[in-house]
Amino acid sequence: MAAGLAAAVYIDRHWSSTSHLLAPFPALIALLGPGSMAMHATQSSLGGRFDLGSMYLVAGFAAAYGIARIFGRGLGTLATLFVVLVVAAEIFGASDIPAPLVDTAGNLAFAVLLLVAVLVEVVIQRRPEHPQSWRWALVALGAMVVAFVIWSLSHSGGPWCDPNSWLQGHAVWHLLCALAAYALFRFYASERAVVRELHDLES
């Protein structure tokens, strides 16, 4: 939730230089908190669905935002893509398709959305008219990769699973995911700021 609030404060302070299509993203990031709370507090299947649902919202927005930018489309396309991707993830995640590396179909759906977002961004950044600050992209990607490794090793019975330790791998996973989400937002927000700086230099 803190990452979402920080992103909202950033947008408020830099509204004129930030794409208005990013406006919903801080709220979606903030929803990761309640989603996670629902799962951990209830330890129920429904709580797990809320948790995965909040993850789909963030990853679905990232993928939809990238695709919309590839084709130079606006809010309508972004909203349509977002709904389609999240619904597709929910349907796929509810299936019994085996997913050895990530345990469940729901986790696989989340991973696929993130992969789409990354691949789309690579395509976009090959275009000279879309300069951005890659520092934030590397922070987001690095945090997510490290988070996944820690998550994988911290499962029940895993090598880093120690219920008696004050340092819990799953807690670190949550912190790194929050960092990754905020860094991704800052990466997106840097696009128009960098374009404006280049324009000022050329003027």
C-alpha atoms as a PDB file:
ATOM      1  CA  MET A   1       0.000   0.000   0.000  1.00  0.00           C
ATOM      2  CA  ALA A   2       2.874   2.352   0.793  1.00  0.00           C
ATOM      3  CA  ALA A   3       4.225   1.930  -2.745  1.00  0.00           C
ATOM      4  CA  GLY A   4       0.837   2.871  -4.201  1.00  0.00           C
ATOM      5  CA  LEU A   5       0.548   5.922  -1.955  1.00  0.00           C
ATOM      6  CA  ALA A   6       4.074   7.013  -2.894  1.00  0.00           C
ATOM      7  CA  ALA A   7       3.181   6.675  -6.578  1.00  0.00           C
ATOM      8  CA  ALA A   8       0.007   8.725  -6.033  1.00  0.00           C
ATOM      9  CA  VAL A   9       1.995  11.489  -4.338  1.00  0.00           C
ATOM     10  CA  TYR A  10       4.430  11.504  -7.257  1.00  0.00           C
ATOM     11  CA  ILE A  11       1.627  11.859  -9.796  1.00  0.00           C
ATOM     12  CA  ASP A  12       0.070  14.674  -7.782  1.00  0.00           C
ATOM     13  CA  ARG A  13       3.357  16.571  -7.740  1.00  0.00           C
ATOM     14  CA  HIS A  14       4.268  15.892 -11.379  1.00  0.00           C
ATOM     15  CA  TRP A  15       0.840  15.827 -13.026  1.00  0.00           C
ATOM     16  CA  SER A  16       1.825  18.121 -15.894  1.00  0.00           C
ATOM     17  CA  SER A  17       4.765  15.925 -16.932  1.00  0.00           C
ATOM     18  CA  THR A  18       3.187  12.500 -16.351  1.00  0.00           C
ATOM     19  CA  SER A  19       0.990  10.564 -18.770  1.00  0.00           C
ATOM     20  CA  HIS A  20      -2.591  10.823 -17.532  1.00  0.00           C
ATOM     21  CA  LEU A  21      -3.102   7.194 -18.566  1.00  0.00           C
ATOM     22  CA  LEU A  22      -0.978   6.301 -15.539  1.00  0.00           C
ATOM     23  CA  ALA A  23      -3.487   7.812 -13.107  1.00  0.00           C
ATOM     24  CA  PRO A  24      -5.137   4.476 -12.122  1.00  0.00           C
ATOM     25  CA  PHE A  25      -1.830   2.670 -11.581  1.00  0.00           C
ATOM     26  CA  PRO A  26      -1.079   3.911  -8.023  1.00  0.00           C
ATOM     27  CA  ALA A  27      -4.501   2.693  -6.849  1.00  0.00           C
ATOM     28  CA  LEU A  28      -3.895  -0.716  -8.407  1.00  0.00           C
ATOM     29  CA  ILE A  29      -0.495  -0.936  -6.726  1.00  0.00           C
ATOM     30  CA  ALA A  30      -2.073  -0.025  -3.380  1.00  0.00           C
ATOM     31  CA  LEU A  31      -4.594  -2.867  -3.776  1.00  0.00           C
ATOM     32  CA  LEU A  32      -1.738  -5.366  -3.528  1.00  0.00           C
ATOM     33  CA  GLY A  33      -1.757  -4.707   0.219  1.00  0.00           C
ATOM     34  CA  PRO A  34      -5.405  -5.577   0.967  1.00  0.00           C
ATOM     35  CA  GLY A  35      -5.192  -8.515  -1.427  1.00  0.00           C
ATOM     36  CA  SER A  36      -2.238  -9.957   0.434  1.00  0.00           C
ATOM     37  CA  MET A  37      -3.913  -9.274   3.777  1.00  0.00           C
ATOM     38  CA  ALA A  38      -6.999 -11.179   2.647  1.00  0.00           C
ATOM     39  CA  MET A  39      -4.931 -14.258   1.920  1.00  0.00           C
ATOM     40  CA  HIS A  40      -2.675 -14.187   4.977  1.00  0.00           C
ATOM     41  CA  ALA A  41      -5.370 -13.204   7.454  1.00  0.00           C
ATOM     42  CA  THR A  42      -7.918 -15.797   6.355  1.00  0.00           C
ATOM     43  CA  GLN A  43      -5.731 -18.566   4.896  1.00  0.00           C
ATOM     44  CA  SER A  44      -8.766 -19.337   2.746  1.00  0.00           C
ATOM     45  CA  SER A  45      -9.307 -20.054  -0.922  1.00  0.00           C
ATOM     46  CA  LEU A  46     -11.304 -16.837  -1.285  1.00  0.00           C
ATOM     47  CA  GLY A  47      -8.505 -14.867   0.333  1.00  0.00           C
ATOM     48  CA  GLY A  48      -6.106 -16.426  -2.138  1.00  0.00           C
ATOM     49  CA  ARG A  49      -8.322 -15.326  -5.017  1.00  0.00           C
ATOM     50  CA  PHE A  50      -8.258 -11.752  -3.728  1.00  0.00           C
ATOM     51  CA  ASP A  51      -4.474 -11.931  -3.472  1.00  0.00           C
ATOM     52  CA  LEU A  52      -4.039 -13.240  -7.002  1.00  0.00           C
ATOM     53  CA  GLY A  53      -6.656 -10.812  -8.278  1.00  0.00           C
ATOM     54  CA  SER A  54      -4.691  -7.843  -6.976  1.00  0.00           C
ATOM     55  CA  MET A  55      -1.574  -9.209  -8.677  1.00  0.00           C
ATOM     56  CA  TYR A  56      -3.473  -9.599 -11.957  1.00  0.00           C
ATOM     57  CA  LEU A  57      -4.598  -5.965 -11.735  1.00  0.00           C
ATOM     58  CA  VAL A  58      -1.031  -4.661 -11.551  1.00  0.00           C
ATOM     59  CA  ALA A  59       0.455  -7.031 -14.127  1.00  0.00           C
ATOM     60  CA  GLY A  60      -2.573  -6.650 -16.415  1.00  0.00           C
ATOM     61  CA  PHE A  61      -2.273  -2.876 -16.343  1.00  0.00           C
ATOM     62  CA  ALA A  62       1.446  -3.082 -17.135  1.00  0.00           C
ATOM     63  CA  ALA A  63       0.811  -5.325 -20.139  1.00  0.00           C
ATOM     64  CA  ALA A  64      -2.168  -3.269 -21.361  1.00  0.00           C
ATOM     65  CA  TYR A  65      -0.321   0.031 -20.910  1.00  0.00           C
ATOM     66  CA  GLY A  66       2.574  -1.254 -22.981  1.00  0.00           C
ATOM     67  CA  ILE A  67       0.385  -2.622 -25.778  1.00  0.00           C
ATOM     68  CA  ALA A  68      -1.649   0.594 -25.927  1.00  0.00           C
ATOM     69  CA  ARG A  69       1.555   2.621 -26.252  1.00  0.00           C
ATOM     70  CA  ILE A  70       2.908   0.392 -29.021  1.00  0.00           C
ATOM     71  CA  PHE A  71      -0.067   1.277 -31.194  1.00  0.00           C
ATOM     72  CA  GLY A  72      -0.370   4.857 -29.978  1.00  0.00           C
ATOM     73  CA  ARG A  73      -3.823   4.282 -28.539  1.00  0.00           C
ATOM     74  CA  GLY A  74      -5.615   6.062 -25.706  1.00  0.00           C
ATOM     75  CA  LEU A  75      -7.729   5.411 -22.656  1.00  0.00           C
ATOM     76  CA  GLY A  76     -10.431   3.363 -24.409  1.00  0.00           C
ATOM     77  CA  THR A  77      -7.957   0.838 -25.776  1.00  0.00           C
ATOM     78  CA  LEU A  78      -6.066   0.719 -22.493  1.00  0.00           C
ATOM     79  CA  ALA A  79      -9.252   0.048 -20.507  1.00  0.00           C
ATOM     80  CA  THR A  80     -10.444  -2.641 -22.933  1.00  0.00           C
ATOM     81  CA  LEU A  81      -7.098  -4.426 -22.971  1.00  0.00           C
ATOM     82  CA  PHE A  82      -6.878  -4.205 -19.198  1.00  0.00           C
ATOM     83  CA  VAL A  83     -10.280  -5.821 -18.659  1.00  0.00           C
ATOM     84  CA  VAL A  84      -9.637  -8.540 -21.252  1.00  0.00           C
ATOM     85  CA  LEU A  85      -6.225  -9.439 -19.819  1.00  0.00           C
ATOM     86  CA  VAL A  86      -7.391  -9.512 -16.198  1.00  0.00           C
ATOM     87  CA  VAL A  87     -10.473 -11.613 -17.023  1.00  0.00           C
ATOM     88  CA  ALA A  88      -8.333 -13.994 -19.092  1.00  0.00           C
ATOM     89  CA  ALA A  89      -5.881 -14.314 -16.195  1.00  0.00           C
ATOM     90  CA  GLU A  90      -8.725 -15.040 -13.776  1.00  0.00           C
ATOM     91  CA  ILE A  91     -10.128 -17.755 -16.043  1.00  0.00           C
ATOM     92  CA  PHE A  92      -6.732 -19.315 -16.683  1.00  0.00           C
ATOM     93  CA  GLY A  93      -5.760 -19.041 -13.025  1.00  0.00           C
ATOM     94  CA  ALA A  94      -8.853 -20.972 -11.954  1.00  0.00           C
ATOM     95  CA  SER A  95      -7.875 -23.940 -14.120  1.00  0.00           C
ATOM     96  CA  ASP A  96      -5.948 -27.052 -13.082  1.00  0.00           C
ATOM     97  CA  ILE A  97      -3.194 -26.602 -15.646  1.00  0.00           C
ATOM     98  CA  PRO A  98       0.089 -27.833 -14.112  1.00  0.00           C
ATOM     99  CA  ALA A  99       2.722 -25.170 -13.465  1.00  0.00           C
ATOM    100  CA  PRO A 100       5.788 -26.880 -11.942  1.00  0.00           C
ATOM    101  CA  LEU A 101       8.064 -23.852 -11.633  1.00  0.00           C
ATOM    102  CA  VAL A 102       5.478 -21.518 -10.093  1.00  0.00           C
ATOM    103  CA  ASP A 103       3.217 -24.083  -8.376  1.00  0.00           C
ATOM    104  CA  THR A 104      -0.221 -22.981  -9.631  1.00  0.00           C
ATOM    105  CA  ALA A 105      -1.975 -21.860 -12.796  1.00  0.00           C
ATOM    106  CA  GLY A 106      -2.762 -18.570 -11.056  1.00  0.00           C
ATOM    107  CA  ASN A 107       0.902 -17.836 -10.487  1.00  0.00           C
ATOM    108  CA  LEU A 108       1.613 -18.820 -14.088  1.00  0.00           C
ATOM    109  CA  ALA A 109      -1.030 -16.374 -15.340  1.00  0.00           C
ATOM    110  CA  PHE A 110       0.613 -13.605 -13.305  1.00  0.00           C
ATOM    111  CA  ALA A 111       4.036 -14.529 -14.680  1.00  0.00           C
ATOM    112  CA  VAL A 112       2.760 -14.503 -18.271  1.00  0.00           C
ATOM    113  CA  LEU A 113       1.276 -11.018 -17.836  1.00  0.00           C
ATOM    114  CA  LEU A 114       4.587  -9.762 -16.466  1.00  0.00           C
ATOM    115  CA  LEU A 115       6.485 -11.388 -19.323  1.00  0.00           C
ATOM    116  CA  VAL A 116       4.189  -9.724 -21.862  1.00  0.00           C
ATOM    117  CA  ALA A 117       4.768  -6.369 -20.159  1.00  0.00           C
ATOM    118  CA  VAL A 118       8.549  -6.826 -20.323  1.00  0.00           C
ATOM    119  CA  LEU A 119       8.609  -7.967 -23.958  1.00  0.00           C
ATOM    120  CA  VAL A 120       6.308  -5.153 -25.062  1.00  0.00           C
ATOM    121  CA  GLU A 121       8.514  -2.630 -23.287  1.00  0.00           C
ATOM    122  CA  VAL A 122      11.598  -3.954 -25.076  1.00  0.00           C
ATOM    123  CA  VAL A 123       9.838  -3.398 -28.405  1.00  0.00           C
ATOM    124  CA  ILE A 124       8.772   0.118 -27.411  1.00  0.00           C
ATOM    125  CA  GLN A 125      12.210   1.126 -26.209  1.00  0.00           C
ATOM    126  CA  ARG A 126      13.762   0.195 -29.547  1.00  0.00           C
ATOM    127  CA  ARG A 127      11.911   3.188 -30.948  1.00  0.00           C
ATOM    128  CA  PRO A 128      13.861   6.463 -30.605  1.00  0.00           C
ATOM    129  CA  GLU A 129      10.693   8.465 -29.912  1.00  0.00           C
ATOM    130  CA  HIS A 130      10.156   6.630 -26.606  1.00  0.00           C
ATOM    131  CA  PRO A 131      13.162   7.480 -24.412  1.00  0.00           C
ATOM    132  CA  GLN A 132      12.822   6.596 -20.752  1.00  0.00           C
ATOM    133  CA  SER A 133      14.966   6.246 -17.651  1.00  0.00           C
ATOM    134  CA  TRP A 134      16.186   2.661 -17.754  1.00  0.00           C
ATOM    135  CA  ARG A 135      17.473   2.990 -14.200  1.00  0.00           C
ATOM    136  CA  TRP A 136      13.952   2.450 -12.877  1.00  0.00           C
ATOM    137  CA  ALA A 137      13.334  -0.427 -15.280  1.00  0.00           C
ATOM    138  CA  LEU A 138      16.433  -2.230 -14.046  1.00  0.00           C
ATOM    139  CA  VAL A 139      15.403  -1.677 -10.424  1.00  0.00           C
ATOM    140  CA  ALA A 140      11.935  -3.103 -11.138  1.00  0.00           C
ATOM    141  CA  LEU A 141      13.236  -6.119 -13.045  1.00  0.00           C
ATOM    142  CA  GLY A 142      16.039  -6.812 -10.579  1.00  0.00           C
ATOM    143  CA  ALA A 143      13.731  -6.590  -7.567  1.00  0.00           C
ATOM    144  CA  MET A 144      11.223  -8.938  -9.194  1.00  0.00           C
ATOM    145  CA  VAL A 145      13.866 -11.521 -10.121  1.00  0.00           C
ATOM    146  CA  VAL A 146      15.358 -11.527  -6.615  1.00  0.00           C
ATOM    147  CA  ALA A 147      11.856 -11.670  -5.121  1.00  0.00           C
ATOM    148  CA  PHE A 148      11.011 -14.720  -7.231  1.00  0.00           C
ATOM    149  CA  VAL A 149      14.194 -16.521  -6.168  1.00  0.00           C
ATOM    150  CA  ILE A 150      13.471 -15.822  -2.494  1.00  0.00           C
ATOM    151  CA  TRP A 151       9.829 -16.865  -2.916  1.00  0.00           C
ATOM    152  CA  SER A 152      10.914 -20.136  -4.542  1.00  0.00           C
ATOM    153  CA  LEU A 153      13.370 -20.977  -1.750  1.00  0.00           C
ATOM    154  CA  SER A 154      11.059 -19.985   1.106  1.00  0.00           C
ATOM    155  CA  HIS A 155       8.163 -22.369   0.512  1.00  0.00           C
ATOM    156  CA  SER A 156       7.154 -24.771   3.258  1.00  0.00           C
ATOM    157  CA  GLY A 157       9.921 -27.338   3.429  1.00  0.00           C
ATOM    158  CA  GLY A 158      12.206 -25.214   1.268  1.00  0.00           C
ATOM    159  CA  PRO A 159      15.867 -24.536   2.107  1.00  0.00           C
ATOM    160  CA  TRP A 160      15.062 -21.050   3.403  1.00  0.00           C
ATOM    161  CA  CYS A 161      11.924 -22.063   5.280  1.00  0.00           C
ATOM    162  CA  ASP A 162      12.482 -21.509   9.014  1.00  0.00           C
ATOM    163  CA  PRO A 163       9.333 -20.745  11.043  1.00  0.00           C
ATOM    164  CA  ASN A 164      11.483 -19.824  14.059  1.00  0.00           C
ATOM    165  CA  SER A 165      13.539 -17.181  12.276  1.00  0.00           C
ATOM    166  CA  TRP A 166      12.758 -13.472  12.648  1.00  0.00           C
ATOM    167  CA  LEU A 167      13.695 -13.070   8.979  1.00  0.00           C
ATOM    168  CA  GLN A 168      11.021 -14.623   6.784  1.00  0.00           C
ATOM    169  CA  GLY A 169      11.676 -15.038   3.084  1.00  0.00           C
ATOM    170  CA  HIS A 170       8.038 -14.460   2.214  1.00  0.00           C
ATOM    171  CA  ALA A 171       8.111 -11.114   3.998  1.00  0.00           C
ATOM    172  CA  VAL A 172      11.139 -10.112   1.918  1.00  0.00           C
ATOM    173  CA  TRP A 173       9.198 -11.211  -1.171  1.00  0.00           C
ATOM    174  CA  HIS A 174       6.429  -8.755  -0.340  1.00  0.00           C
ATOM    175  CA  LEU A 175       8.855  -5.883   0.245  1.00  0.00           C
ATOM    176  CA  LEU A 176      10.687  -6.528  -3.017  1.00  0.00           C
ATOM    177  CA  CYS A 177       7.410  -6.776  -4.940  1.00  0.00           C
ATOM    178  CA  ALA A 178       6.387  -3.392  -3.533  1.00  0.00           C
ATOM    179  CA  LEU A 179       9.730  -1.947  -4.629  1.00  0.00           C
ATOM    180  CA  ALA A 180       9.328  -3.496  -8.091  1.00  0.00           C
ATOM    181  CA  ALA A 181       5.825  -2.057  -8.498  1.00  0.00           C
ATOM    182  CA  TYR A 182       6.915   1.447  -7.487  1.00  0.00           C
ATOM    183  CA  ALA A 183      10.003   1.289  -9.707  1.00  0.00           C
ATOM    184  CA  LEU A 184       7.837   0.172 -12.632  1.00  0.00           C
ATOM    185  CA  PHE A 185       5.563   3.144 -12.054  1.00  0.00           C
ATOM    186  CA  ARG A 186       8.547   5.514 -11.975  1.00  0.00           C
ATOM    187  CA  PHE A 187       9.837   3.954 -15.190  1.00  0.00           C
ATOM    188  CA  TYR A 188       6.543   4.662 -16.910  1.00  0.00           C
ATOM    189  CA  ALA A 189       6.352   8.149 -15.418  1.00  0.00           C
ATOM    190  CA  SER A 190       9.849   8.967 -16.670  1.00  0.00           C
ATOM    191  CA  GLU A 191       8.814   8.697 -20.321  1.00  0.00           C
ATOM    192  CA  ARG A 192       7.235  12.119 -20.812  1.00  0.00           C
ATOM    193  CA  ALA A 193       9.701  13.752 -18.434  1.00  0.00           C
ATOM    194  CA  VAL A 194      12.635  12.552 -20.546  1.00  0.00           C
ATOM    195  CA  VAL A 195      10.915  13.630 -23.764  1.00  0.00           C
ATOM    196  CA  ARG A 196      10.369  17.094 -22.307  1.00  0.00           C
ATOM    197  CA  GLU A 197      14.029  17.346 -21.233  1.00  0.00           C
ATOM    198  CA  LEU A 198      15.201  16.394 -24.726  1.00  0.00           C
ATOM    199  CA  HIS A 199      12.859  18.966 -26.241  1.00  0.00           C
ATOM    200  CA  ASP A 200      14.258  21.650 -23.932  1.00  0.00           C
ATOM    201  CA  LEU A 201      17.810  20.757 -24.957  1.00  0.00           C
ATOM    202  CA  GLU A 202      16.932  20.972 -28.644  1.00  0.00           C
ATOM    203  CA  SER A 203      15.148  24.326 -28.270  1.00  0.00           C
END
